[in-house]
Amino acid sequence: MSRIGKKPVPIPAGVSITLGATEVKVKGPKGELSLPVPAACTLTIGFSHLVNFTAPPGITIETPEPTKIKISGIDRQKVGQVAAEIRGIRPPEPYKGKGIKYIDEHIERKAGKSAVGSGS
């Protein structure tokens, strides 16, 4: 695969770039451009694609570690509902133990298929 996305972008003389929270502005001798930047709300939870989840107003979602999601807010019912919705995207499964689970939750593991008695 190409590694061009890791290389720095050279900025010519006379061009200024302003990075904002929601947009990037570029001003140069030929004019001015602005590009909206979406808020970081992509979850990577083991699917082949990113899952977008937008937090409702009053709810803050943080990822202190790559494998932990912290949901906080003033309304306890709303925090619990958002946690249940995120968990519903990929619920824990008992065979491999993959999925999103609550921090104090224990998932009983099941045995998978066995090769005994598989026939001829």
Protein backbone atom coordinates (compact mmCIF):
# COMPACT_ATOMS: atom_id res chain seq x y z
CA MET A 1 0.00 0.00 0.00
CA SER A 2 1.02 3.57 -0.55
CA ARG A 3 2.40 5.56 2.36
CA ILE A 4 1.76 8.95 0.77
CA GLY A 5 -0.80 9.82 3.45
CA LYS A 6 1.93 9.81 6.10
CA LYS A 7 4.12 12.36 4.32
CA PRO A 8 3.87 16.05 5.29
CA VAL A 9 2.18 18.42 2.86
CA PRO A 10 4.51 21.20 1.66
CA ILE A 11 2.95 24.67 2.05
CA PRO A 12 4.17 27.23 -0.53
CA ALA A 13 5.29 30.71 0.45
CA GLY A 14 2.45 33.23 0.65
CA VAL A 15 -0.12 30.61 1.70
CA SER A 16 -1.60 30.58 5.21
CA ILE A 17 -3.62 27.76 6.78
CA THR A 18 -5.96 28.19 9.75
CA LEU A 19 -7.13 25.08 11.60
CA GLY A 20 -10.41 25.53 13.46
CA ALA A 21 -12.54 23.13 15.47
CA THR A 22 -15.02 22.61 12.65
CA GLU A 23 -13.23 23.81 9.49
CA VAL A 24 -9.89 24.38 7.77
CA LYS A 25 -9.28 27.70 5.97
CA VAL A 26 -6.59 28.17 3.32
CA LYS A 27 -5.74 31.67 2.08
CA GLY A 28 -3.33 32.29 -0.76
CA PRO A 29 -2.58 34.63 -3.66
CA LYS A 30 -5.28 33.04 -5.88
CA GLY A 31 -8.09 33.19 -3.31
CA GLU A 32 -9.49 31.58 -0.20
CA LEU A 33 -10.92 28.09 0.47
CA SER A 34 -12.64 26.57 3.47
CA LEU A 35 -13.35 22.90 4.13
CA PRO A 36 -15.65 21.63 6.88
CA VAL A 37 -14.11 18.98 9.13
CA PRO A 38 -16.54 16.51 10.71
CA ALA A 39 -16.37 15.94 14.45
CA ALA A 40 -14.53 12.80 15.50
CA CYS A 41 -17.40 10.43 16.27
CA THR A 42 -16.15 7.26 14.41
CA LEU A 43 -16.09 4.08 16.29
CA THR A 44 -13.84 1.29 15.09
CA ILE A 45 -15.34 -1.79 16.69
CA GLY A 46 -14.13 -4.67 14.58
CA PHE A 47 -16.26 -4.17 11.49
CA SER A 48 -14.78 -3.62 8.05
CA HIS A 49 -16.23 -0.09 8.07
CA LEU A 50 -16.37 2.79 10.53
CA VAL A 51 -19.56 3.19 12.57
CA ASN A 52 -20.69 6.78 13.06
CA PHE A 53 -22.43 7.56 16.34
CA THR A 54 -23.42 11.12 17.23
CA ALA A 55 -23.84 11.88 20.92
CA PRO A 56 -27.09 13.62 21.88
CA PRO A 57 -26.91 17.05 23.53
CA GLY A 58 -25.76 16.92 27.14
CA ILE A 59 -23.78 13.69 26.70
CA THR A 60 -19.98 13.55 26.49
CA ILE A 61 -18.24 10.52 25.01
CA GLU A 62 -14.50 10.03 25.55
CA THR A 63 -12.03 7.25 24.84
CA PRO A 64 -9.36 7.34 27.59
CA GLU A 65 -7.87 4.09 26.22
CA PRO A 66 -8.28 2.45 22.82
CA THR A 67 -10.47 -0.30 24.31
CA LYS A 68 -12.59 1.82 26.68
CA ILE A 69 -15.44 4.25 26.07
CA LYS A 70 -16.43 6.72 28.81
CA ILE A 71 -19.94 8.18 28.62
CA SER A 72 -20.87 11.01 30.98
CA GLY A 73 -23.65 13.55 31.41
CA ILE A 74 -25.99 15.10 33.92
CA ASP A 75 -29.03 12.92 33.11
CA ARG A 76 -28.40 9.36 34.34
CA GLN A 77 -31.25 7.90 32.28
CA LYS A 78 -29.89 9.45 29.07
CA VAL A 79 -26.35 8.22 29.85
CA GLY A 80 -27.67 4.69 30.32
CA GLN A 81 -29.69 4.89 27.10
CA VAL A 82 -26.65 6.04 25.08
CA ALA A 83 -24.55 3.25 26.63
CA ALA A 84 -27.22 0.71 25.66
CA GLU A 85 -27.36 2.06 22.09
CA ILE A 86 -23.57 1.83 21.70
CA ARG A 87 -23.59 -1.69 23.17
CA GLY A 88 -26.37 -2.63 20.73
CA ILE A 89 -24.11 -1.85 17.77
CA ARG A 90 -22.01 -4.90 18.60
CA PRO A 91 -23.31 -6.83 21.61
CA PRO A 92 -20.97 -9.29 23.35
CA GLU A 93 -21.11 -12.82 22.02
CA PRO A 94 -20.46 -15.90 24.18
CA TYR A 95 -18.22 -17.91 21.83
CA LYS A 96 -15.23 -15.65 21.21
CA GLY A 97 -16.02 -12.97 23.81
CA LYS A 98 -15.92 -10.16 21.27
CA GLY A 99 -18.22 -7.16 21.31
CA ILE A 100 -18.93 -4.14 23.49
CA LYS A 101 -19.65 -4.89 27.13
CA TYR A 102 -20.06 -2.89 30.30
CA ILE A 103 -16.95 -2.65 32.48
CA ASP A 104 -18.44 -4.69 35.36
CA GLU A 105 -20.19 -7.24 33.12
CA HIS A 106 -19.09 -10.86 32.97
CA ILE A 107 -19.94 -12.85 29.83
CA GLU A 108 -20.31 -16.60 30.29
CA ARG A 109 -18.26 -18.29 27.61
CA LYS A 110 -19.71 -21.25 25.68
CA ALA A 111 -17.81 -24.11 24.13
CA GLY A 112 -17.65 -24.07 20.37
CA LYS A 113 -18.23 -26.99 18.02
CA SER A 114 -16.29 -30.08 18.85
CA ALA A 115 -14.74 -32.46 16.34
CA VAL A 116 -15.95 -35.55 18.20
CA GLY A 117 -18.63 -37.51 16.38
CA SER A 118 -18.26 -35.65 13.11
CA GLY A 119 -19.11 -38.74 11.05
CA SER A 120 -17.16 -40.26 8.18
